[in-house]
Amino acid sequence: MLKILAITEYYNEVENIPGLVKNLSSQTHVPDLWLIIDDGSSDNSTEVFIENLEKFNIPHLLYRMPPKSKPNANLKGRAFTKVDILNNEWVQQNKFDFLILIGADTRFPPTYIELSTKIMHKLPIFGALGARIRNEPGGSTPMGTGKIVCWDVVKATSGRYWDLDPDSLWNLIATNMGYKLLIILDLVINVTRPTHMYAPSGFYDYGKRVKYLGWNLSSALAYSAILFVRRTHPQHFLRGYIHSLIRDKNWRCNDPEVEEHFSVKRMIQRLIGAVRSQDEALMTRIGIDKQRESAIDEEFVHRAVSIIRSKISNR
């Protein structure tokens, strides 16, 4: 049977955690180990997390960052750096096949992990797989909660974590290793709040992030003008950039691969559709309905794999 490592990084999620653990315990394939990273919570999230994991007999490991007064979406990667998943003895001794990234606000259909990992196992050409959040448009690359990453890509990330969370980095590493990326459009996840990347706060954090990636003020202004035309929170983006320009002058990315991918030229080219992104995924539907969300069989998996293979051939 395929072995799955789940990872949840969280901050003050006491309201979400009981529902999350109960939801994951009802999966047709429960992860073999759940690695939880408390990113400095000021409430009792961790105590509640452990209590619920033990209630449902889910194996787990806990890592804790120092307490802090508020979260910072642009520094999630520092928690992953401290943990460095592959340095853990339990992880080294157990050969995992896949990693699944899980946000505390996530609620999966019961067959989510089983179906996703079986597809990945039968189609080893893919290094990462993503789904869609219900009632959100989503992007063209696998990102965020529910993302499945093959273990070869996870191993290649050892020692390469950066300040931001490793989500984007996994995609870049996967494509540079020759893997393709996959998004299954009718594989749908529910969340208890709007995804950060589509909220005003997400664009504020994104503005801070591009300063970290080396953008100058004129580049940030040009990008915010495009966001204004697209009506996607330009003021929050620009405020985040200026905030970082004033307060975080020495905060810079030192990974050339990441800097090149997120350079202002390439970001604007991608935004206006002039070039395809390096981490653009193959996107397809495979015929999931309510029945398939509750139970799957090998015939359905085989049919889904055939649909995806045909999309690869026609791309």
Protein backbone atom coordinates (compact mmCIF):
# COMPACT_ATOMS: atom_id res chain seq x y z
CA MET A 1 0.00 0.00 0.00
CA LEU A 2 1.21 3.51 -0.78
CA LYS A 3 2.69 5.38 2.18
CA ILE A 4 1.59 8.97 2.75
CA LEU A 5 3.11 11.74 4.88
CA ALA A 6 0.69 14.58 5.69
CA ILE A 7 1.97 18.02 6.74
CA THR A 8 0.00 20.84 8.34
CA GLU A 9 1.63 24.14 9.28
CA TYR A 10 -0.73 26.27 11.39
CA TYR A 11 -1.12 29.33 13.60
CA ASN A 12 -4.04 29.78 16.04
CA GLU A 13 -6.38 27.28 14.39
CA VAL A 14 -8.14 25.94 17.48
CA GLU A 15 -11.57 26.43 15.87
CA ASN A 16 -10.66 24.47 12.74
CA ILE A 17 -8.53 21.63 14.07
CA PRO A 18 -11.20 19.25 15.50
CA GLY A 19 -13.15 19.31 12.21
CA LEU A 20 -9.96 18.84 10.21
CA VAL A 21 -8.81 15.77 12.14
CA LYS A 22 -12.28 14.21 12.07
CA ASN A 23 -12.45 14.80 8.32
CA LEU A 24 -9.06 13.24 7.65
CA SER A 25 -9.83 10.27 9.90
CA SER A 26 -12.73 9.43 7.56
CA GLN A 27 -10.52 9.21 4.46
CA THR A 28 -10.50 5.87 2.68
CA HIS A 29 -6.70 6.15 2.91
CA VAL A 30 -5.63 7.86 6.15
CA PRO A 31 -2.02 9.19 6.07
CA ASP A 32 0.58 6.96 7.69
CA LEU A 33 2.07 9.91 9.58
CA TRP A 34 0.84 13.44 10.19
CA LEU A 35 3.62 15.95 10.75
CA ILE A 36 2.20 19.06 12.43
CA ILE A 37 4.13 22.33 12.64
CA ASP A 38 2.94 24.89 15.18
CA ASP A 39 4.21 28.17 13.73
CA GLY A 40 4.21 30.01 17.05
CA SER A 41 0.52 29.85 18.02
CA SER A 42 -0.63 31.96 20.96
CA ASP A 43 -3.70 29.79 21.67
CA ASN A 44 -4.03 26.10 22.58
CA SER A 45 -4.15 24.86 18.97
CA THR A 46 -1.43 22.28 19.52
CA GLU A 47 -3.00 20.77 22.62
CA VAL A 48 -6.30 20.43 20.76
CA PHE A 49 -4.52 18.98 17.71
CA ILE A 50 -2.73 16.31 19.76
CA GLU A 51 -5.90 15.45 21.68
CA ASN A 52 -7.85 14.88 18.46
CA LEU A 53 -5.06 12.96 16.71
CA GLU A 54 -4.85 10.60 19.68
CA LYS A 55 -8.64 10.27 19.74
CA PHE A 56 -8.58 8.94 16.17
CA ASN A 57 -5.31 6.98 16.59
CA ILE A 58 -3.48 8.87 13.85
CA PRO A 59 0.35 8.65 14.13
CA HIS A 60 1.87 12.12 14.40
CA LEU A 61 4.97 14.19 15.05
CA LEU A 62 4.96 17.71 16.46
CA TYR A 63 7.37 20.58 15.80
CA ARG A 64 7.02 23.97 17.44
CA MET A 65 8.35 27.36 16.39
CA PRO A 66 8.85 30.10 19.02
CA PRO A 67 5.63 31.91 20.04
CA LYS A 68 4.75 35.08 18.11
CA SER A 69 2.02 37.70 18.28
CA LYS A 70 0.75 37.32 14.70
CA PRO A 71 1.29 35.05 11.67
CA ASN A 72 3.36 35.96 8.61
CA ALA A 73 2.44 34.13 5.41
CA ASN A 74 5.74 35.17 3.84
CA LEU A 75 7.81 33.40 6.50
CA LYS A 76 6.15 29.98 6.56
CA GLY A 77 9.22 28.46 4.98
CA ARG A 78 11.29 29.22 8.06
CA ALA A 79 9.23 26.67 9.96
CA PHE A 80 9.85 24.10 7.22
CA THR A 81 13.56 24.98 7.30
CA LYS A 82 13.71 24.30 11.02
CA VAL A 83 11.87 21.01 10.64
CA ASP A 84 13.58 19.95 7.38
CA ILE A 85 11.33 16.95 6.91
CA LEU A 86 14.02 14.59 5.66
CA ASN A 87 16.19 15.04 8.75
CA ASN A 88 13.62 13.34 10.92
CA GLU A 89 14.65 9.83 11.95
CA TRP A 90 11.11 8.40 11.64
CA VAL A 91 10.81 9.79 8.12
CA GLN A 92 14.21 8.44 7.12
CA GLN A 93 13.32 4.94 8.34
CA ASN A 94 9.94 4.84 6.57
CA LYS A 95 9.94 5.05 2.82
CA PHE A 96 7.08 7.34 1.88
CA ASP A 97 5.67 7.52 -1.62
CA PHE A 98 3.90 10.90 -1.39
CA LEU A 99 3.52 14.00 0.71
CA ILE A 100 0.18 15.79 1.07
CA LEU A 101 0.02 19.44 2.14
CA ILE A 102 -3.03 20.15 4.32
CA GLY A 103 -4.31 23.52 5.51
CA ALA A 104 -6.13 23.58 8.85
CA ASP A 105 -9.29 24.94 7.19
CA THR A 106 -9.57 22.04 4.71
CA ARG A 107 -12.36 19.50 4.38
CA PHE A 108 -11.75 16.70 1.84
CA PRO A 109 -14.20 14.32 0.17
CA PRO A 110 -13.60 10.81 1.64
CA THR A 111 -11.74 9.37 -1.37
CA TYR A 112 -9.47 12.38 -1.94
CA ILE A 113 -6.15 10.91 -0.76
CA GLU A 114 -6.77 7.42 -2.12
CA LEU A 115 -7.78 8.63 -5.58
CA SER A 116 -5.06 11.28 -5.89
CA THR A 117 -2.21 9.01 -4.85
CA LYS A 118 -3.38 6.10 -7.00
CA ILE A 119 -3.45 8.39 -10.04
CA MET A 120 0.03 9.72 -9.21
CA HIS A 121 1.33 6.17 -8.68
CA LYS A 122 -0.01 4.98 -12.04
CA LEU A 123 1.25 8.11 -13.81
CA PRO A 124 4.80 8.65 -12.46
CA ILE A 125 5.36 11.35 -15.07
CA PHE A 126 3.71 13.79 -12.63
CA GLY A 127 5.67 15.28 -9.74
CA ALA A 128 2.79 17.18 -8.13
CA LEU A 129 -0.99 17.10 -8.28
CA GLY A 130 -3.53 19.72 -7.22
CA ALA A 131 -7.30 20.10 -6.97
CA ARG A 132 -9.76 22.97 -6.99
CA ILE A 133 -11.20 24.84 -4.02
CA ARG A 134 -14.99 24.97 -4.23
CA ASN A 135 -16.28 28.34 -5.57
CA GLU A 136 -12.77 29.66 -6.29
CA PRO A 137 -11.24 30.01 -9.78
CA GLY A 138 -7.84 28.57 -8.96
CA GLY A 139 -4.64 29.02 -10.92
CA SER A 140 -2.76 27.02 -13.52
CA THR A 141 -0.28 25.38 -11.16
CA PRO A 142 -0.84 23.03 -8.19
CA MET A 143 -0.79 25.16 -5.04
CA GLY A 144 -2.06 25.08 -1.51
CA THR A 145 -4.02 22.63 0.53
CA GLY A 146 -4.56 19.16 -0.88
CA LYS A 147 -1.42 19.28 -3.00
CA ILE A 148 0.21 15.86 -3.49
CA VAL A 149 3.99 15.77 -4.10
CA CYS A 150 5.93 12.66 -5.13
CA TRP A 151 8.72 11.67 -2.77
CA ASP A 152 11.56 12.17 -5.28
CA VAL A 153 10.65 15.86 -5.40
CA VAL A 154 10.43 16.05 -1.60
CA LYS A 155 13.91 14.51 -1.31
CA ALA A 156 15.34 17.00 -3.79
CA THR A 157 14.06 19.84 -1.59
CA SER A 158 16.26 18.86 1.36
CA GLY A 159 18.27 21.86 2.49
CA ARG A 160 16.60 24.14 -0.07
CA TYR A 161 13.74 25.60 1.92
CA TRP A 162 13.46 29.37 1.80
CA ASP A 163 11.55 32.02 3.76
CA LEU A 164 8.35 31.45 1.80
CA ASP A 165 6.60 28.13 2.16
CA PRO A 166 7.94 25.33 -0.06
CA ASP A 167 4.81 25.06 -2.22
CA SER A 168 6.14 27.00 -5.24
CA LEU A 169 9.61 25.54 -4.79
CA TRP A 170 8.26 21.98 -5.06
CA ASN A 171 6.76 22.90 -8.44
CA LEU A 172 10.01 24.40 -9.73
CA ILE A 173 12.05 21.44 -8.53
CA ALA A 174 9.57 18.99 -10.06
CA THR A 175 9.66 20.61 -13.51
CA ASN A 176 13.45 20.94 -13.43
CA MET A 177 13.64 17.21 -12.67
CA GLY A 178 11.57 16.53 -15.79
CA TYR A 179 8.22 15.94 -14.09
CA LYS A 180 4.93 17.36 -15.29
CA LEU A 181 2.29 18.92 -13.03
CA LEU A 182 -1.40 18.00 -12.88
CA ILE A 183 -4.61 19.69 -11.75
CA ILE A 184 -7.82 17.66 -11.66
CA LEU A 185 -10.59 20.21 -12.10
CA ASP A 186 -13.43 18.10 -10.73
CA LEU A 187 -11.46 16.98 -7.68
CA VAL A 188 -12.93 19.57 -5.31
CA ILE A 189 -11.98 20.60 -1.77
CA ASN A 190 -14.06 22.60 0.71
CA VAL A 191 -12.47 25.22 2.96
CA THR A 192 -13.91 27.05 5.95
CA ARG A 193 -12.70 30.49 4.77
CA PRO A 194 -11.61 32.09 1.47
CA THR A 195 -8.19 30.96 0.27
CA HIS A 196 -5.49 33.42 1.28
CA MET A 197 -4.21 33.98 -2.27
CA TYR A 198 -7.59 35.38 -3.40
CA ALA A 199 -8.21 37.58 -0.35
CA PRO A 200 -7.01 41.21 0.03
CA SER A 201 -4.59 40.05 2.72
CA GLY A 202 -3.08 37.64 0.22
CA PHE A 203 -2.32 40.45 -2.24
CA TYR A 204 -0.83 42.50 0.62
CA ASP A 205 1.49 39.60 1.44
CA TYR A 206 2.24 39.19 -2.26
CA GLY A 207 3.35 42.82 -2.43
CA LYS A 208 5.75 42.18 0.44
CA ARG A 209 6.93 39.02 -1.27
CA VAL A 210 7.97 40.66 -4.56
CA LYS A 211 10.10 43.17 -2.64
CA TYR A 212 11.84 40.16 -1.08
CA LEU A 213 12.30 38.78 -4.62
CA GLY A 214 14.14 41.93 -5.73
CA TRP A 215 11.50 44.00 -7.53
CA ASN A 216 12.09 47.77 -7.62
CA LEU A 217 9.38 50.37 -7.03
CA SER A 218 8.71 51.05 -10.71
CA SER A 219 8.15 47.34 -11.32
CA ALA A 220 5.73 47.15 -8.40
CA LEU A 221 3.84 50.18 -9.72
CA ALA A 222 3.59 48.66 -13.21
CA TYR A 223 2.30 45.39 -11.79
CA SER A 224 -0.22 47.16 -9.56
CA ALA A 225 -1.52 49.00 -12.66
CA ILE A 226 -2.22 45.63 -14.30
CA LEU A 227 -3.96 44.46 -11.12
CA PHE A 228 -6.05 47.66 -11.21
CA VAL A 229 -7.24 46.86 -14.73
CA ARG A 230 -8.03 43.30 -13.61
CA ARG A 231 -9.72 44.60 -10.41
CA THR A 232 -7.70 42.31 -8.17
CA HIS A 233 -6.72 44.32 -5.07
CA PRO A 234 -3.97 46.59 -6.52
CA GLN A 235 -4.01 48.85 -3.46
CA HIS A 236 -3.34 45.95 -1.11
CA PHE A 237 -0.51 44.68 -3.31
CA LEU A 238 1.14 48.12 -3.43
CA ARG A 239 0.67 48.70 0.29
CA GLY A 240 2.39 45.40 1.02
CA TYR A 241 5.30 46.29 -1.26
CA ILE A 242 5.79 49.74 0.30
CA HIS A 243 5.50 48.28 3.80
CA SER A 244 8.32 45.84 3.01
CA LEU A 245 10.35 48.55 1.23
CA ILE A 246 10.30 50.69 4.36
CA ARG A 247 10.59 48.08 7.11
CA ASP A 248 12.30 45.02 5.58
CA LYS A 249 15.15 46.58 3.60
CA ASN A 250 17.56 43.67 4.08
CA TRP A 251 15.03 40.88 3.44
CA ARG A 252 16.10 39.29 0.13
CA CYS A 253 15.75 35.97 -1.62
CA ASN A 254 19.05 34.18 -2.22
CA ASP A 255 17.81 31.36 -4.46
CA PRO A 256 18.62 32.27 -8.11
CA GLU A 257 16.17 29.71 -9.49
CA VAL A 258 13.32 31.24 -7.52
CA GLU A 259 14.39 34.81 -8.33
CA GLU A 260 14.43 34.07 -12.06
CA HIS A 261 11.02 32.42 -12.02
CA PHE A 262 9.43 35.31 -10.11
CA SER A 263 11.27 38.14 -11.90
CA VAL A 264 9.06 41.09 -12.81
CA LYS A 265 9.51 40.49 -16.56
CA ARG A 266 8.38 36.87 -16.36
CA MET A 267 5.56 37.65 -13.94
CA ILE A 268 4.08 40.33 -16.22
CA GLN A 269 4.54 38.12 -19.29
CA ARG A 270 2.64 35.34 -17.54
CA LEU A 271 -0.03 37.71 -16.25
CA ILE A 272 -0.86 39.01 -19.74
CA GLY A 273 -0.54 35.56 -21.32
CA ALA A 274 2.57 36.29 -23.38
CA VAL A 275 4.42 33.20 -22.13
CA ARG A 276 3.48 29.95 -20.48
CA SER A 277 4.66 29.47 -16.94
CA GLN A 278 7.35 26.90 -16.26
CA ASP A 279 5.06 25.40 -13.63
CA GLU A 280 1.85 25.42 -15.69
CA ALA A 281 -0.04 22.21 -15.08
CA LEU A 282 -2.02 19.89 -17.30
CA MET A 283 -5.64 20.53 -16.31
CA THR A 284 -8.44 18.05 -16.91
CA ARG A 285 -11.66 16.56 -15.59
CA ILE A 286 -11.94 12.83 -14.95
CA GLY A 287 -15.67 12.39 -14.29
CA ILE A 288 -15.86 12.64 -10.51
CA ASP A 289 -19.37 12.86 -9.10
CA LYS A 290 -20.87 12.58 -5.61
CA GLN A 291 -20.72 8.80 -5.77
CA ARG A 292 -17.00 8.84 -6.64
CA GLU A 293 -16.34 11.26 -3.78
CA SER A 294 -17.56 8.56 -1.39
CA ALA A 295 -16.12 5.39 -2.95
CA ILE A 296 -13.90 4.47 -5.89
CA ASP A 297 -12.95 1.22 -7.57
CA GLU A 298 -10.06 0.18 -9.78
CA GLU A 299 -12.20 0.48 -12.90
CA PHE A 300 -12.79 4.16 -12.21
CA VAL A 301 -9.11 4.75 -11.45
CA HIS A 302 -8.16 3.03 -14.72
CA ARG A 303 -10.63 5.20 -16.66
CA ALA A 304 -9.34 8.37 -14.98
CA VAL A 305 -5.74 7.46 -15.82
CA SER A 306 -6.73 6.81 -19.46
CA ILE A 307 -8.36 10.25 -19.70
CA ILE A 308 -5.25 11.93 -18.32
CA ARG A 309 -2.96 9.96 -20.66
CA SER A 310 -5.02 11.09 -23.65
CA LYS A 311 -4.71 14.71 -22.50
CA ILE A 312 -0.93 14.32 -22.27
CA SER A 313 -0.81 12.98 -25.83
CA ASN A 314 -2.93 15.83 -27.19
CA ARG A 315 -1.15 18.63 -25.35
